[in-house]
Each structure stands twice: as C-alpha cells, then as structure tokens.
C-alpha atoms as a PDB file:
ATOM      1  CA  UNK A   1     -47.234 -47.209  29.086  1.00  0.00           C
ATOM      2  CA  UNK A   2     -47.763 -43.817  27.464  1.00  0.00           C
ATOM      3  CA  UNK A   3     -46.264 -42.090  30.498  1.00  0.00           C
ATOM      4  CA  UNK A   4     -43.152 -44.263  30.225  1.00  0.00           C
ATOM      5  CA  UNK A   5     -42.786 -43.517  26.509  1.00  0.00           C
ATOM      6  CA  UNK A   6     -43.244 -39.781  27.137  1.00  0.00           C
ATOM      7  CA  UNK A   7     -40.590 -39.796  29.845  1.00  0.00           C
ATOM      8  CA  UNK A   8     -38.245 -41.576  27.454  1.00  0.00           C
ATOM      9  CA  UNK A   9     -38.770 -38.923  24.754  1.00  0.00           C
ATOM     10  CA  UNK A  10     -38.282 -36.120  27.302  1.00  0.00           C
ATOM     11  CA  UNK A  11     -35.022 -37.713  28.458  1.00  0.00           C
ATOM     12  CA  UNK A  12     -33.768 -37.967  24.865  1.00  0.00           C
ATOM     13  CA  UNK A  13     -34.766 -34.352  24.172  1.00  0.00           C
ATOM     14  CA  UNK A  14     -32.994 -33.090  27.287  1.00  0.00           C
ATOM     15  CA  UNK A  15     -29.901 -35.067  26.348  1.00  0.00           C
ATOM     16  CA  UNK A  16     -29.892 -33.560  22.842  1.00  0.00           C
ATOM     17  CA  UNK A  17     -30.311 -30.055  24.289  1.00  0.00           C
ATOM     18  CA  UNK A  18     -27.386 -30.704  26.640  1.00  0.00           C
ATOM     19  CA  UNK A  19     -25.176 -31.954  23.784  1.00  0.00           C
ATOM     20  CA  UNK A  20     -26.111 -28.932  21.653  1.00  0.00           C
ATOM     21  CA  UNK A  21     -25.346 -26.453  24.464  1.00  0.00           C
ATOM     22  CA  UNK A  22     -22.023 -28.166  25.191  1.00  0.00           C
ATOM     23  CA  UNK A  23     -21.152 -28.006  21.489  1.00  0.00           C
ATOM     24  CA  UNK A  24     -21.997 -24.297  21.243  1.00  0.00           C
ATOM     25  CA  UNK A  25     -19.961 -23.577  24.371  1.00  0.00           C
ATOM     26  CA  UNK A  26     -16.955 -25.455  22.951  1.00  0.00           C
ATOM     27  CA  UNK A  27     -17.234 -23.545  19.676  1.00  0.00           C
ATOM     28  CA  UNK A  28     -17.105 -20.251  21.571  1.00  0.00           C
ATOM     29  CA  UNK A  29     -13.887 -21.204  23.362  1.00  0.00           C
ATOM     30  CA  UNK A  30     -10.655 -20.002  21.775  1.00  0.00           C
ATOM     31  CA  UNK A  31      -7.012 -19.122  22.339  1.00  0.00           C
ATOM     32  CA  UNK A  32      -5.023 -16.177  21.060  1.00  0.00           C
ATOM     33  CA  UNK A  33      -1.514 -14.762  21.310  1.00  0.00           C
ATOM     34  CA  UNK A  34      -0.502 -11.271  22.380  1.00  0.00           C
ATOM     35  CA  UNK A  35       2.801 -10.225  20.730  1.00  0.00           C
ATOM     36  CA  UNK A  36       4.032  -7.047  22.415  1.00  0.00           C
ATOM     37  CA  UNK A  37       6.958  -4.926  21.221  1.00  0.00           C
ATOM     38  CA  UNK A  38       8.288  -6.909  18.299  1.00  0.00           C
ATOM     39  CA  UNK A  39      10.667  -4.051  17.320  1.00  0.00           C
ATOM     40  CA  UNK A  40      11.287  -5.684  13.953  1.00  0.00           C
ATOM     41  CA  UNK A  41      14.208  -4.172  12.016  1.00  0.00           C
ATOM     42  CA  UNK A  42      14.310  -6.417   8.958  1.00  0.00           C
ATOM     43  CA  UNK A  43      17.365  -8.390  10.061  1.00  0.00           C
ATOM     44  CA  UNK A  44      17.701 -12.133   9.471  1.00  0.00           C
ATOM     45  CA  UNK A  45      18.069 -12.843  13.213  1.00  0.00           C
ATOM     46  CA  UNK A  46      14.848 -11.038  14.079  1.00  0.00           C
ATOM     47  CA  UNK A  47      13.067 -12.759  11.196  1.00  0.00           C
ATOM     48  CA  UNK A  48      14.071 -16.152  12.593  1.00  0.00           C
ATOM     49  CA  UNK A  49      13.005 -15.213  16.117  1.00  0.00           C
ATOM     50  CA  UNK A  50       9.598 -13.935  15.029  1.00  0.00           C
ATOM     51  CA  UNK A  51       9.025 -16.965  12.772  1.00  0.00           C
ATOM     52  CA  UNK A  52       9.780 -19.179  15.784  1.00  0.00           C
ATOM     53  CA  UNK A  53       7.160 -17.427  17.932  1.00  0.00           C
ATOM     54  CA  UNK A  54       4.587 -17.537  15.128  1.00  0.00           C
ATOM     55  CA  UNK A  55       5.140 -21.297  14.882  1.00  0.00           C
ATOM     56  CA  UNK A  56       4.668 -21.583  18.649  1.00  0.00           C
ATOM     57  CA  UNK A  57       1.393 -19.646  18.512  1.00  0.00           C
ATOM     58  CA  UNK A  58       0.137 -21.882  15.712  1.00  0.00           C
ATOM     59  CA  UNK A  59       1.187 -25.012  17.622  1.00  0.00           C
ATOM     60  CA  UNK A  60      -0.875 -23.767  20.587  1.00  0.00           C
ATOM     61  CA  UNK A  61      -3.892 -23.441  18.270  1.00  0.00           C
ATOM     62  CA  UNK A  62      -4.098 -19.675  18.660  1.00  0.00           C
ATOM     63  CA  UNK A  63      -6.859 -18.358  16.425  1.00  0.00           C
ATOM     64  CA  UNK A  64      -5.629 -14.765  16.618  1.00  0.00           C
ATOM     65  CA  UNK A  65      -2.296 -13.005  16.956  1.00  0.00           C
ATOM     66  CA  UNK A  66      -2.781  -9.515  18.366  1.00  0.00           C
ATOM     67  CA  UNK A  67       0.251  -7.263  18.435  1.00  0.00           C
ATOM     68  CA  UNK A  68       0.841  -4.783  21.227  1.00  0.00           C
ATOM     69  CA  UNK A  69       2.412  -1.992  19.199  1.00  0.00           C
ATOM     70  CA  UNK A  70       5.985  -1.186  18.195  1.00  0.00           C
ATOM     71  CA  UNK A  71       5.767  -3.730  15.403  1.00  0.00           C
ATOM     72  CA  UNK A  72       8.833  -2.045  13.882  1.00  0.00           C
ATOM     73  CA  UNK A  73      11.144   0.769  14.917  1.00  0.00           C
ATOM     74  CA  UNK A  74      10.946   3.198  12.004  1.00  0.00           C
ATOM     75  CA  UNK A  75      14.302   4.887  12.571  1.00  0.00           C
ATOM     76  CA  UNK A  76      16.115   1.543  13.068  1.00  0.00           C
ATOM     77  CA  UNK A  77      14.633   0.146   9.860  1.00  0.00           C
ATOM     78  CA  UNK A  78      15.832   3.188   7.936  1.00  0.00           C
ATOM     79  CA  UNK A  79      19.308   2.822   9.442  1.00  0.00           C
ATOM     80  CA  UNK A  80      19.452  -0.966   8.930  1.00  0.00           C
ATOM     81  CA  UNK A  81      17.973  -1.492   5.480  1.00  0.00           C
ATOM     82  CA  UNK A  82      17.205   2.036   4.290  1.00  0.00           C
ATOM     83  CA  UNK A  83      13.418   1.671   4.338  1.00  0.00           C
ATOM     84  CA  UNK A  84      10.745   1.452   7.025  1.00  0.00           C
ATOM     85  CA  UNK A  85       8.256   0.412   4.351  1.00  0.00           C
ATOM     86  CA  UNK A  86      10.398  -2.604   3.464  1.00  0.00           C
ATOM     87  CA  UNK A  87      10.477  -3.589   7.149  1.00  0.00           C
ATOM     88  CA  UNK A  88       6.700  -3.650   7.206  1.00  0.00           C
ATOM     89  CA  UNK A  89       6.597  -5.693   3.982  1.00  0.00           C
ATOM     90  CA  UNK A  90       8.944  -8.306   5.456  1.00  0.00           C
ATOM     91  CA  UNK A  91       6.969  -8.333   8.697  1.00  0.00           C
ATOM     92  CA  UNK A  92       3.744  -8.780   6.755  1.00  0.00           C
ATOM     93  CA  UNK A  93       5.190 -11.715   4.814  1.00  0.00           C
ATOM     94  CA  UNK A  94       6.173 -13.395   8.096  1.00  0.00           C
ATOM     95  CA  UNK A  95       2.711 -12.909   9.567  1.00  0.00           C
ATOM     96  CA  UNK A  96       1.140 -14.369   6.419  1.00  0.00           C
ATOM     97  CA  UNK A  97       2.769 -17.700   7.299  1.00  0.00           C
ATOM     98  CA  UNK A  98       0.609 -17.872  10.433  1.00  0.00           C
ATOM     99  CA  UNK A  99      -2.546 -19.931  10.588  1.00  0.00           C
ATOM    100  CA  UNK A 100      -3.878 -17.403  13.092  1.00  0.00           C
ATOM    101  CA  UNK A 101      -5.429 -14.160  11.895  1.00  0.00           C
ATOM    102  CA  UNK A 102      -3.223 -11.161  12.736  1.00  0.00           C
ATOM    103  CA  UNK A 103      -4.494  -7.874  14.182  1.00  0.00           C
ATOM    104  CA  UNK A 104      -1.757  -5.229  14.566  1.00  0.00           C
ATOM    105  CA  UNK A 105      -1.777  -2.341  17.041  1.00  0.00           C
ATOM    106  CA  UNK A 106       0.155   0.905  16.612  1.00  0.00           C
ATOM    107  CA  UNK A 107       2.927   1.875  19.042  1.00  0.00           C
ATOM    108  CA  UNK A 108       5.138   4.936  19.395  1.00  0.00           C
ATOM    109  CA  UNK A 109       7.923   3.398  17.272  1.00  0.00           C
ATOM    110  CA  UNK A 110       5.455   2.625  14.470  1.00  0.00           C
ATOM    111  CA  UNK A 111       4.835   6.333  13.963  1.00  0.00           C
ATOM    112  CA  UNK A 112       6.723   7.605  10.948  1.00  0.00           C
ATOM    113  CA  UNK A 113       8.185  10.949  11.996  1.00  0.00           C
ATOM    114  CA  UNK A 114      11.149  10.557   9.631  1.00  0.00           C
ATOM    115  CA  UNK A 115       9.326  11.821   6.549  1.00  0.00           C
ATOM    116  CA  UNK A 116       7.787  15.088   5.405  1.00  0.00           C
ATOM    117  CA  UNK A 117       4.654  16.048   7.337  1.00  0.00           C
ATOM    118  CA  UNK A 118       2.794  16.420   4.032  1.00  0.00           C
ATOM    119  CA  UNK A 119       3.439  12.777   3.098  1.00  0.00           C
ATOM    120  CA  UNK A 120       0.557  10.307   3.286  1.00  0.00           C
ATOM    121  CA  UNK A 121       2.945   8.039   5.182  1.00  0.00           C
ATOM    122  CA  UNK A 122       3.705  10.587   7.909  1.00  0.00           C
ATOM    123  CA  UNK A 123       2.953   9.638  11.524  1.00  0.00           C
ATOM    124  CA  UNK A 124       0.263   6.899  11.469  1.00  0.00           C
ATOM    125  CA  UNK A 125       0.071   6.752   7.663  1.00  0.00           C
ATOM    126  CA  UNK A 126       2.773   4.120   7.230  1.00  0.00           C
ATOM    127  CA  UNK A 127       1.173   1.864   9.865  1.00  0.00           C
ATOM    128  CA  UNK A 128      -2.227   2.173   8.173  1.00  0.00           C
ATOM    129  CA  UNK A 129      -0.657   1.204   4.856  1.00  0.00           C
ATOM    130  CA  UNK A 130       0.767  -1.937   6.471  1.00  0.00           C
ATOM    131  CA  UNK A 131      -2.274  -2.886   8.555  1.00  0.00           C
ATOM    132  CA  UNK A 132      -4.968  -1.981   6.050  1.00  0.00           C
ATOM    133  CA  UNK A 133      -6.878  -0.249   8.844  1.00  0.00           C
ATOM    134  CA  UNK A 134      -7.023   3.059  10.641  1.00  0.00           C
ATOM    135  CA  UNK A 135      -4.697   3.458  13.608  1.00  0.00           C
ATOM    136  CA  UNK A 136      -7.642   2.477  15.853  1.00  0.00           C
ATOM    137  CA  UNK A 137     -10.411  -0.037  15.193  1.00  0.00           C
ATOM    138  CA  UNK A 138     -12.447  -2.862  16.716  1.00  0.00           C
ATOM    139  CA  UNK A 139     -13.503  -6.363  15.743  1.00  0.00           C
ATOM    140  CA  UNK A 140     -15.538  -9.263  17.097  1.00  0.00           C
ATOM    141  CA  UNK A 141     -14.524 -12.860  17.619  1.00  0.00           C
ATOM    142  CA  UNK A 142     -16.743 -15.627  18.982  1.00  0.00           C
ATOM    143  CA  UNK A 143     -18.927 -13.277  20.994  1.00  0.00           C
ATOM    144  CA  UNK A 144     -16.069 -11.122  22.299  1.00  0.00           C
ATOM    145  CA  UNK A 145     -15.423  -7.492  21.318  1.00  0.00           C
ATOM    146  CA  UNK A 146     -11.789  -6.415  20.804  1.00  0.00           C
ATOM    147  CA  UNK A 147     -10.963  -2.691  20.859  1.00  0.00           C
ATOM    148  CA  UNK A 148      -7.583  -1.588  19.461  1.00  0.00           C
ATOM    149  CA  UNK A 149      -6.720   2.008  20.404  1.00  0.00           C
ATOM    150  CA  UNK A 150      -3.943   4.400  19.452  1.00  0.00           C
ATOM    151  CA  UNK A 151      -2.846   5.897  22.759  1.00  0.00           C
ATOM    152  CA  UNK A 152       0.444   7.260  21.423  1.00  0.00           C
ATOM    153  CA  UNK A 153      -1.157  10.361  19.931  1.00  0.00           C
ATOM    154  CA  UNK A 154       0.549  13.689  20.499  1.00  0.00           C
ATOM    155  CA  UNK A 155      -0.013  17.383  19.789  1.00  0.00           C
ATOM    156  CA  UNK A 156       3.438  18.952  19.993  1.00  0.00           C
ATOM    157  CA  UNK A 157       5.679  16.646  22.022  1.00  0.00           C
ATOM    158  CA  UNK A 158       5.936  13.150  20.419  1.00  0.00           C
ATOM    159  CA  UNK A 159       6.948  11.713  23.805  1.00  0.00           C
ATOM    160  CA  UNK A 160       3.852  12.980  25.625  1.00  0.00           C
ATOM    161  CA  UNK A 161       1.362  10.248  24.852  1.00  0.00           C
ATOM    162  CA  UNK A 162      -2.375  10.779  24.822  1.00  0.00           C
ATOM    163  CA  UNK A 163      -5.536   9.774  22.970  1.00  0.00           C
ATOM    164  CA  UNK A 164      -7.257  11.977  20.415  1.00  0.00           C
ATOM    165  CA  UNK A 165     -10.690  13.558  20.843  1.00  0.00           C
ATOM    166  CA  UNK A 166     -11.618  11.896  17.552  1.00  0.00           C
ATOM    167  CA  UNK A 167     -10.927   8.486  19.066  1.00  0.00           C
ATOM    168  CA  UNK A 168     -12.904   9.255  22.207  1.00  0.00           C
ATOM    169  CA  UNK A 169     -15.936  10.089  20.061  1.00  0.00           C
ATOM    170  CA  UNK A 170     -15.393   6.942  17.997  1.00  0.00           C
ATOM    171  CA  UNK A 171     -14.993   4.803  21.130  1.00  0.00           C
ATOM    172  CA  UNK A 172     -18.259   6.095  22.554  1.00  0.00           C
ATOM    173  CA  UNK A 173     -20.031   5.188  19.311  1.00  0.00           C
ATOM    174  CA  UNK A 174     -18.320   1.803  19.135  1.00  0.00           C
ATOM    175  CA  UNK A 175     -19.455   0.868  22.629  1.00  0.00           C
ATOM    176  CA  UNK A 176     -23.057   1.826  21.916  1.00  0.00           C
ATOM    177  CA  UNK A 177     -23.005  -0.655  19.021  1.00  0.00           C
ATOM    178  CA  UNK A 178     -22.608  -3.643  21.385  1.00  0.00           C
ATOM    179  CA  UNK A 179     -24.650  -5.038  24.238  1.00  0.00           C
ATOM    180  CA  UNK A 180     -23.610  -3.956  27.761  1.00  0.00           C
ATOM    181  CA  UNK A 181     -23.065  -7.639  28.578  1.00  0.00           C
ATOM    182  CA  UNK A 182     -20.704  -8.322  25.639  1.00  0.00           C
ATOM    183  CA  UNK A 183     -17.258  -9.219  27.057  1.00  0.00           C
ATOM    184  CA  UNK A 184     -14.519  -6.804  25.966  1.00  0.00           C
ATOM    185  CA  UNK A 185     -10.749  -6.931  25.537  1.00  0.00           C
ATOM    186  CA  UNK A 186      -9.105  -3.491  25.381  1.00  0.00           C
ATOM    187  CA  UNK A 187      -5.684  -3.353  23.724  1.00  0.00           C
ATOM    188  CA  UNK A 188      -3.354  -0.331  23.999  1.00  0.00           C
ATOM    189  CA  UNK A 189       0.367   0.222  23.633  1.00  0.00           C
ATOM    190  CA  UNK A 190       1.271   2.590  26.484  1.00  0.00           C
ATOM    191  CA  UNK A 191       0.202   1.065  29.822  1.00  0.00           C
ATOM    192  CA  UNK A 192      -2.898   2.569  31.397  1.00  0.00           C
ATOM    193  CA  UNK A 193      -1.740   1.251  34.751  1.00  0.00           C
ATOM    194  CA  UNK A 194       1.989   1.928  35.004  1.00  0.00           C
ATOM    195  CA  UNK A 195       4.294  -0.584  36.636  1.00  0.00           C
ATOM    196  CA  UNK A 196       7.748   0.431  35.454  1.00  0.00           C
ATOM    197  CA  UNK A 197       7.869   4.091  36.525  1.00  0.00           C
ATOM    198  CA  UNK A 198       6.653   3.480  40.099  1.00  0.00           C
ATOM    199  CA  UNK A 199       9.306   0.765  40.364  1.00  0.00           C
ATOM    200  CA  UNK A 200      12.058   3.105  39.155  1.00  0.00           C
ATOM    201  CA  UNK A 201      10.882   5.981  41.354  1.00  0.00           C
ATOM    202  CA  UNK A 202      10.167   3.672  44.306  1.00  0.00           C
ATOM    203  CA  UNK A 203       6.595   4.950  44.540  1.00  0.00           C
ATOM    204  CA  UNK A 204       3.561   2.688  44.595  1.00  0.00           C
ATOM    205  CA  UNK A 205       1.240   4.366  42.106  1.00  0.00           C
ATOM    206  CA  UNK A 206       0.401   1.433  39.903  1.00  0.00           C
ATOM    207  CA  UNK A 207      -3.154   1.050  41.175  1.00  0.00           C
ATOM    208  CA  UNK A 208      -4.566   4.062  39.381  1.00  0.00           C
ATOM    209  CA  UNK A 209      -5.222   4.909  35.752  1.00  0.00           C
ATOM    210  CA  UNK A 210      -2.649   7.278  34.316  1.00  0.00           C
ATOM    211  CA  UNK A 211      -4.016  10.805  33.980  1.00  0.00           C
ATOM    212  CA  UNK A 212      -4.151  11.143  30.148  1.00  0.00           C
ATOM    213  CA  UNK A 213      -6.390   8.071  29.925  1.00  0.00           C
ATOM    214  CA  UNK A 214      -8.808   8.495  32.840  1.00  0.00           C
ATOM    215  CA  UNK A 215     -11.525  10.149  30.743  1.00  0.00           C
ATOM    216  CA  UNK A 216     -11.240   7.356  28.200  1.00  0.00           C
ATOM    217  CA  UNK A 217     -11.766   4.659  30.821  1.00  0.00           C
ATOM    218  CA  UNK A 218     -14.950   6.263  32.165  1.00  0.00           C
ATOM    219  CA  UNK A 219     -16.557   5.391  28.821  1.00  0.00           C
ATOM    220  CA  UNK A 220     -16.389   1.716  29.818  1.00  0.00           C
ATOM    221  CA  UNK A 221     -18.630   2.278  32.845  1.00  0.00           C
ATOM    222  CA  UNK A 222     -21.660   0.045  32.442  1.00  0.00           C
ATOM    223  CA  UNK A 223     -19.899  -2.230  29.952  1.00  0.00           C
ATOM    224  CA  UNK A 224     -18.358  -5.673  30.434  1.00  0.00           C
ATOM    225  CA  UNK A 225     -14.635  -4.874  30.218  1.00  0.00           C
ATOM    226  CA  UNK A 226     -12.840  -8.100  31.075  1.00  0.00           C
ATOM    227  CA  UNK A 227      -9.149  -7.384  30.490  1.00  0.00           C
ATOM    228  CA  UNK A 228      -6.678  -4.753  29.285  1.00  0.00           C
ATOM    229  CA  UNK A 229      -3.611  -5.834  27.294  1.00  0.00           C
ATOM    230  CA  UNK A 230      -0.755  -3.348  27.079  1.00  0.00           C
ATOM    231  CA  UNK A 231       2.879  -3.159  25.975  1.00  0.00           C
ATOM    232  CA  UNK A 232       5.624  -0.516  25.727  1.00  0.00           C
ATOM    233  CA  UNK A 233       7.503  -1.351  28.929  1.00  0.00           C
ATOM    234  CA  UNK A 234       9.022  -4.658  27.714  1.00  0.00           C
ATOM    235  CA  UNK A 235       8.131  -6.446  30.950  1.00  0.00           C
ATOM    236  CA  UNK A 236       5.623  -9.129  31.876  1.00  0.00           C
ATOM    237  CA  UNK A 237       3.502  -7.943  34.756  1.00  0.00           C
ATOM    238  CA  UNK A 238      -0.103  -8.359  35.901  1.00  0.00           C
ATOM    239  CA  UNK A 239      -1.845  -5.602  37.811  1.00  0.00           C
ATOM    240  CA  UNK A 240      -5.477  -5.548  38.881  1.00  0.00           C
ATOM    241  CA  UNK A 241      -7.708  -2.506  39.226  1.00  0.00           C
ATOM    242  CA  UNK A 242     -11.396  -2.749  40.094  1.00  0.00           C
ATOM    243  CA  UNK A 243     -11.124  -6.521  39.527  1.00  0.00           C
ATOM    244  CA  UNK A 244      -9.953  -6.001  35.931  1.00  0.00           C
ATOM    245  CA  UNK A 245      -6.528  -7.487  35.035  1.00  0.00           C
ATOM    246  CA  UNK A 246      -4.115  -5.165  33.238  1.00  0.00           C
ATOM    247  CA  UNK A 247      -1.486  -7.350  31.598  1.00  0.00           C
ATOM    248  CA  UNK A 248       1.750  -5.756  30.461  1.00  0.00           C
ATOM    249  CA  UNK A 249       2.667  -8.344  27.873  1.00  0.00           C
ATOM    250  CA  UNK A 250       6.438  -8.708  27.983  1.00  0.00           C
ATOM    251  CA  UNK A 251       8.140  -8.387  24.602  1.00  0.00           C
ATOM    252  CA  UNK A 252       9.215 -10.348  21.584  1.00  0.00           C
ATOM    253  CA  UNK A 253      12.247  -8.050  21.689  1.00  0.00           C
ATOM    254  CA  UNK A 254      13.167  -7.288  25.332  1.00  0.00           C
ATOM    255  CA  UNK A 255      14.773  -4.097  26.557  1.00  0.00           C
ATOM    256  CA  UNK A 256      17.898  -3.667  28.676  1.00  0.00           C
ATOM    257  CA  UNK A 257      15.782  -3.405  31.855  1.00  0.00           C
ATOM    258  CA  UNK A 258      13.576  -6.436  31.127  1.00  0.00           C
ATOM    259  CA  UNK A 259      15.794  -8.728  33.230  1.00  0.00           C
ATOM    260  CA  UNK A 260      14.855  -6.706  36.349  1.00  0.00           C
ATOM    261  CA  UNK A 261      11.373  -8.186  35.981  1.00  0.00           C
ATOM    262  CA  UNK A 262      12.668 -11.597  34.872  1.00  0.00           C
ATOM    263  CA  UNK A 263      11.173 -11.025  31.425  1.00  0.00           C
ATOM    264  CA  UNK A 264      12.641 -13.058  28.578  1.00  0.00           C
ATOM    265  CA  UNK A 265      11.653 -12.789  24.903  1.00  0.00           C
ATOM    266  CA  UNK A 266       8.148 -14.148  24.571  1.00  0.00           C
ATOM    267  CA  UNK A 267       4.422 -13.597  24.207  1.00  0.00           C
ATOM    268  CA  UNK A 268       1.250 -14.067  26.240  1.00  0.00           C
ATOM    269  CA  UNK A 269      -0.958 -17.018  25.363  1.00  0.00           C
ATOM    270  CA  UNK A 270      -4.562 -16.420  26.431  1.00  0.00           C
ATOM    271  CA  UNK A 271      -7.342 -19.007  26.521  1.00  0.00           C
ATOM    272  CA  UNK A 272     -11.009 -18.022  26.715  1.00  0.00           C
ATOM    273  CA  UNK A 273     -13.553 -20.530  28.007  1.00  0.00           C
ATOM    274  CA  UNK A 274     -16.981 -18.910  28.120  1.00  0.00           C
ATOM    275  CA  UNK A 275     -16.048 -15.744  30.086  1.00  0.00           C
ATOM    276  CA  UNK A 276     -13.106 -17.201  31.982  1.00  0.00           C
ATOM    277  CA  UNK A 277      -9.652 -16.107  30.787  1.00  0.00           C
ATOM    278  CA  UNK A 278      -6.440 -17.954  31.600  1.00  0.00           C
ATOM    279  CA  UNK A 279      -3.045 -16.764  30.445  1.00  0.00           C
ATOM    280  CA  UNK A 280       0.601 -17.801  30.405  1.00  0.00           C
ATOM    281  CA  UNK A 281       3.828 -16.145  29.293  1.00  0.00           C
ATOM    282  CA  UNK A 282       5.527 -18.263  26.628  1.00  0.00           C
ATOM    283  CA  UNK A 283       9.287 -17.922  26.094  1.00  0.00           C
ATOM    284  CA  UNK A 284      11.578 -19.259  23.392  1.00  0.00           C
ATOM    285  CA  UNK A 285      12.309 -22.466  25.298  1.00  0.00           C
ATOM    286  CA  UNK A 286       8.781 -23.270  26.555  1.00  0.00           C
END
C-alpha cells in the first residue's frame, strides 16, 4: 500500500516538474523584428509606411524591434524638412507607438557629417541623442545576448568602413561578461559577408568575412554566436559561414537595385524557440 502511495506521489511530482519546465521554456520563447534601412526623411508617405510595418510587427507579437542602421538619411532630412534632428524626433514618436521595445543601430547615413566637427551632434552624436545610447552597446533578452556594433567608423575616408579599436576593446570586455554558452545575436549595418559586390563583379567571394572585420570576428571564438543580422545593401539574402547564418535583412525603404534580388519593402520576423531560430521576410502585403 505504501509503495503504491509513494509511486503516486512520485508521478505527481514528475508531472509538476514537467509542467514547470514546459512553462519556463515557453516563457523563454520570443519573436522580434529586424527593420533594416528605414531611410526615414520625415515625409508623410514614409511615416505611413513605417507605421504600417510597426503595426505588422505588433500584430506578430514581436517583443523587440531592432533596426539595422540608416534609420534616417541626414542629408535628405536637411533637404526635405531642414532638420535631421526633427527627422529623428518624428521617427522616435512613431516607434513609441509600438508595443515592442525598440533598439536602434547606427548606419552610415545616420552619421551627421553636415555640421561642424566641434558640435556635440557631429558624426555619431546625433544618433546617440536620438537613441539614448552610445553608437555601440549590448543588451540581454530572455537568456539571449544582443550585440549592436558601429561598423561604419572611419578615419579619413567616410566611405571606407571599419570598426574602432575602442569598440574592439569594449567587445572583448562585453563577451567576458557572459557565459561561453550564452546564445548571441550580432547586429551590424555593413555586411560582414558581402553578397551584393560579388554579384555585381561576378565573383563568388561571399563565403569569407570582409577584411576590415576579420579581427573583430575572431573575438567570438569560443562563444555561442548563433546569427548575424546586417543591412546596408537593401536586399534580402541569407548566407552561411561556419554554420552561422548571416542575414542581410532587406529594407523598409528599398534601393533601385533591390528588385534584382526580388526584395520588396519589408522586414525580417524572427522567432526564437529555445536555441532554434526561424525567420521570414514580411512585405507590405503579407
């Protein structure tokens, strides 16, 4: 009799443990949206388009919206409405309508090179004012580590993109603050694995890290890097290097060449279940 009662209690305990584990696993699952190359200029048409995509992300229960850089185009904002700062304010007000929490990334067109170099808003200063962060940072969400890097740094030529020594030191420190088994998303603007240029030049070089960023990527050795999200090229393309997907995330605002890759305005919706990531490109009509 006692053995039967004990077995009953063990069965109930195991069931409760199973329910608890299933509940914890479900709580750690989440979805988020990757908005690459918004190129916001303050116009009413772009405001409507962005509001539409924000509504879509909310409808898909995205907990985060991560931008892929080029949130605005500084020079276009100045030409259109006379103020890049006002563009950022309008963009910020649109993002505040989202249920999802927004994490912006800097891109080359976010750099304010249209003002005096002594201004606090020069280069990355305007972006930092808008984002409330440095031009590179990290955060955690449900057991995942997100690293947002500025890889549009430059020394003399604004078009020759790189990453600063300061960031490399910071990145090394940031990685030592997490467990080697913590899953990581890396987000950059300029693609680390280039798809567009090899296509244009008819050379298959996409399966290697671009030279300015090779040293940076060695810092991830021994860590659990799961995926790289990147923008800049205004195309939706998935490459894979050392079993790590590099997703070039299309664009909210496509470029003239986007049609060559069948890329329409849209964003990437990503769903995380434990350490499995699924993703889909969402367009205006989806």
